[in-house]
Amino acid sequence: MRQRTAPTRRSRFRFRFIGEIIGELRKVVWLSRREIIYLSTLVLVVSVAAGVILGAVDYGFSALIEGIFLGS
């Protein structure tokens, strides 16, 4: 017959850690659906704008360097 042993220190830590995670998640103030949509849209708009600006700057520098070194 197998004898039960007390939980090891590591397993007790693991269970306490998971309990603390659950406790912290209960304190979180979750965003409303409207806020999520607004902020997601804002992130997409800013990302696209940054991409367009950086693409234009890259294109400009490429044309400048090509004009200087290739003489086109």
N, C-alpha and C. Protein backbone atom coordinates (compact mmCIF):
# COMPACT_ATOMS: atom_id res chain seq x y z
N MET A 1 0.84 -1.18 0.00
CA MET A 1 0.00 0.00 0.00
C MET A 1 0.88 1.24 0.00
N ARG A 2 0.51 2.18 -0.80
CA ARG A 2 1.32 3.39 -0.96
C ARG A 2 0.94 4.41 0.10
N GLN A 3 1.94 5.00 0.69
CA GLN A 3 1.70 5.98 1.73
C GLN A 3 1.68 7.39 1.12
N ARG A 4 0.69 8.18 1.51
CA ARG A 4 0.60 9.55 1.00
C ARG A 4 1.61 10.42 1.72
N THR A 5 2.22 11.27 0.93
CA THR A 5 3.20 12.19 1.51
C THR A 5 2.64 13.60 1.46
N ALA A 6 3.18 14.43 2.28
CA ALA A 6 2.76 15.84 2.32
C ALA A 6 3.19 16.51 1.02
N PRO A 7 2.43 17.51 0.58
CA PRO A 7 2.81 18.21 -0.64
C PRO A 7 4.21 18.81 -0.50
N THR A 8 4.93 18.74 -1.57
CA THR A 8 6.28 19.30 -1.53
C THR A 8 6.20 20.82 -1.50
N ARG A 9 7.31 21.40 -1.17
CA ARG A 9 7.37 22.86 -1.08
C ARG A 9 7.07 23.50 -2.44
N ARG A 10 7.55 22.85 -3.48
CA ARG A 10 7.34 23.39 -4.83
C ARG A 10 5.87 23.36 -5.23
N SER A 11 5.17 22.28 -4.94
CA SER A 11 3.76 22.20 -5.32
C SER A 11 2.91 23.17 -4.49
N ARG A 12 3.27 23.37 -3.22
CA ARG A 12 2.54 24.35 -2.41
C ARG A 12 2.73 25.75 -2.99
N PHE A 13 3.95 26.06 -3.44
CA PHE A 13 4.22 27.36 -4.05
C PHE A 13 3.40 27.52 -5.32
N ARG A 14 3.32 26.46 -6.12
CA ARG A 14 2.58 26.52 -7.38
C ARG A 14 1.10 26.82 -7.13
N PHE A 15 0.50 26.14 -6.14
CA PHE A 15 -0.92 26.37 -5.85
C PHE A 15 -1.15 27.76 -5.28
N ARG A 16 -0.25 28.24 -4.44
CA ARG A 16 -0.37 29.59 -3.90
C ARG A 16 -0.23 30.63 -5.01
N PHE A 17 0.70 30.37 -5.93
CA PHE A 17 0.94 31.28 -7.05
C PHE A 17 -0.32 31.39 -7.92
N ILE A 18 -0.94 30.26 -8.22
CA ILE A 18 -2.16 30.27 -9.03
C ILE A 18 -3.28 30.98 -8.30
N GLY A 19 -3.40 30.77 -6.99
CA GLY A 19 -4.41 31.47 -6.20
C GLY A 19 -4.20 32.97 -6.21
N GLU A 20 -2.94 33.41 -6.15
CA GLU A 20 -2.64 34.84 -6.20
C GLU A 20 -2.98 35.43 -7.57
N ILE A 21 -2.73 34.66 -8.63
CA ILE A 21 -3.08 35.13 -9.97
C ILE A 21 -4.59 35.35 -10.08
N ILE A 22 -5.36 34.39 -9.60
CA ILE A 22 -6.82 34.51 -9.66
C ILE A 22 -7.28 35.71 -8.84
N GLY A 23 -6.67 35.91 -7.67
CA GLY A 23 -7.03 37.06 -6.83
C GLY A 23 -6.74 38.38 -7.52
N GLU A 24 -5.61 38.47 -8.21
CA GLU A 24 -5.28 39.71 -8.92
C GLU A 24 -6.20 39.94 -10.11
N LEU A 25 -6.57 38.87 -10.82
CA LEU A 25 -7.47 39.02 -11.96
C LEU A 25 -8.86 39.49 -11.52
N ARG A 26 -9.25 39.20 -10.31
CA ARG A 26 -10.54 39.68 -9.80
C ARG A 26 -10.52 41.18 -9.54
N LYS A 27 -9.35 41.75 -9.33
CA LYS A 27 -9.21 43.18 -9.07
C LYS A 27 -9.17 44.02 -10.35
N VAL A 28 -8.96 43.37 -11.49
CA VAL A 28 -8.81 44.08 -12.75
C VAL A 28 -10.11 44.76 -13.13
N VAL A 29 -10.00 46.01 -13.59
CA VAL A 29 -11.17 46.72 -14.12
C VAL A 29 -11.14 46.52 -15.62
N TRP A 30 -12.04 45.68 -16.12
CA TRP A 30 -12.07 45.35 -17.53
C TRP A 30 -12.73 46.46 -18.33
N LEU A 31 -12.26 46.67 -19.54
CA LEU A 31 -12.81 47.71 -20.41
C LEU A 31 -14.17 47.30 -20.94
N SER A 32 -14.98 48.29 -21.26
CA SER A 32 -16.26 48.00 -21.88
C SER A 32 -16.03 47.70 -23.37
N ARG A 33 -17.03 47.13 -24.00
CA ARG A 33 -16.92 46.79 -25.43
C ARG A 33 -16.68 48.06 -26.25
N ARG A 34 -17.33 49.15 -25.89
CA ARG A 34 -17.17 50.42 -26.62
C ARG A 34 -15.73 50.93 -26.51
N GLU A 35 -15.16 50.86 -25.31
CA GLU A 35 -13.77 51.30 -25.11
C GLU A 35 -12.79 50.43 -25.90
N ILE A 36 -13.05 49.14 -25.92
CA ILE A 36 -12.17 48.22 -26.66
C ILE A 36 -12.19 48.54 -28.14
N ILE A 37 -13.38 48.76 -28.69
CA ILE A 37 -13.51 49.08 -30.12
C ILE A 37 -12.82 50.40 -30.42
N TYR A 38 -13.04 51.41 -29.57
CA TYR A 38 -12.42 52.73 -29.78
C TYR A 38 -10.90 52.64 -29.74
N LEU A 39 -10.37 51.99 -28.72
CA LEU A 39 -8.91 51.93 -28.58
C LEU A 39 -8.27 51.06 -29.65
N SER A 40 -8.94 49.99 -30.06
CA SER A 40 -8.41 49.14 -31.13
C SER A 40 -8.37 49.90 -32.44
N THR A 41 -9.43 50.66 -32.72
CA THR A 41 -9.46 51.48 -33.92
C THR A 41 -8.36 52.53 -33.89
N LEU A 42 -8.17 53.14 -32.74
CA LEU A 42 -7.13 54.15 -32.59
C LEU A 42 -5.75 53.55 -32.86
N VAL A 43 -5.49 52.37 -32.34
CA VAL A 43 -4.20 51.70 -32.57
C VAL A 43 -4.01 51.42 -34.05
N LEU A 44 -5.05 50.92 -34.72
CA LEU A 44 -4.94 50.63 -36.16
C LEU A 44 -4.69 51.90 -36.96
N VAL A 45 -5.39 52.98 -36.65
CA VAL A 45 -5.21 54.23 -37.38
C VAL A 45 -3.80 54.78 -37.19
N VAL A 46 -3.32 54.78 -35.96
CA VAL A 46 -1.97 55.29 -35.69
C VAL A 46 -0.92 54.40 -36.36
N SER A 47 -1.13 53.10 -36.36
CA SER A 47 -0.19 52.18 -37.01
C SER A 47 -0.13 52.41 -38.52
N VAL A 48 -1.29 52.57 -39.14
CA VAL A 48 -1.32 52.81 -40.58
C VAL A 48 -0.68 54.16 -40.90
N ALA A 49 -0.97 55.19 -40.11
CA ALA A 49 -0.39 56.50 -40.34
C ALA A 49 1.13 56.46 -40.19
N ALA A 50 1.62 55.78 -39.15
CA ALA A 50 3.07 55.66 -38.96
C ALA A 50 3.69 54.89 -40.12
N GLY A 51 3.02 53.85 -40.60
CA GLY A 51 3.53 53.08 -41.74
C GLY A 51 3.62 53.92 -43.00
N VAL A 52 2.60 54.73 -43.24
CA VAL A 52 2.60 55.59 -44.43
C VAL A 52 3.71 56.63 -44.33
N ILE A 53 3.85 57.26 -43.17
CA ILE A 53 4.89 58.27 -42.99
C ILE A 53 6.28 57.66 -43.14
N LEU A 54 6.51 56.54 -42.48
CA LEU A 54 7.83 55.89 -42.58
C LEU A 54 8.10 55.39 -43.99
N GLY A 55 7.07 54.90 -44.67
CA GLY A 55 7.23 54.47 -46.06
C GLY A 55 7.60 55.63 -46.96
N ALA A 56 6.97 56.79 -46.75
CA ALA A 56 7.27 57.98 -47.55
C ALA A 56 8.70 58.45 -47.29
N VAL A 57 9.11 58.46 -46.03
CA VAL A 57 10.49 58.86 -45.69
C VAL A 57 11.48 57.89 -46.32
N ASP A 58 11.20 56.60 -46.24
CA ASP A 58 12.08 55.59 -46.84
C ASP A 58 12.18 55.77 -48.35
N TYR A 59 11.05 56.01 -48.98
CA TYR A 59 11.03 56.22 -50.42
C TYR A 59 11.84 57.47 -50.78
N GLY A 60 11.68 58.53 -50.02
CA GLY A 60 12.43 59.77 -50.27
C GLY A 60 13.92 59.57 -50.12
N PHE A 61 14.34 58.91 -49.05
CA PHE A 61 15.77 58.66 -48.86
C PHE A 61 16.32 57.73 -49.94
N SER A 62 15.53 56.74 -50.33
CA SER A 62 15.99 55.82 -51.38
C SER A 62 16.19 56.58 -52.70
N ALA A 63 15.25 57.46 -53.03
CA ALA A 63 15.38 58.25 -54.25
C ALA A 63 16.58 59.18 -54.17
N LEU A 64 16.81 59.78 -53.00
CA LEU A 64 17.94 60.68 -52.81
C LEU A 64 19.26 59.94 -52.96
N ILE A 65 19.41 58.80 -52.32
CA ILE A 65 20.63 58.03 -52.38
C ILE A 65 20.85 57.51 -53.80
N GLU A 66 19.79 57.04 -54.43
CA GLU A 66 19.91 56.56 -55.81
C GLU A 66 20.34 57.69 -56.74
N GLY A 67 19.80 58.88 -56.54
CA GLY A 67 20.18 60.03 -57.35
C GLY A 67 21.62 60.45 -57.14
N ILE A 68 22.11 60.35 -55.91
CA ILE A 68 23.48 60.75 -55.61
C ILE A 68 24.48 59.74 -56.16
N PHE A 69 24.27 58.43 -55.86
CA PHE A 69 25.27 57.42 -56.21
C PHE A 69 25.12 56.86 -57.61
N LEU A 70 23.92 56.81 -58.14
CA LEU A 70 23.72 56.24 -59.47
C LEU A 70 23.57 57.33 -60.53
N GLY A 71 23.37 58.57 -60.10
CA GLY A 71 23.30 59.68 -61.01
C GLY A 71 22.11 59.64 -61.94
N SER A 72 21.05 59.01 -61.52
CA SER A 72 19.86 58.92 -62.38
C SER A 72 19.07 60.20 -62.36
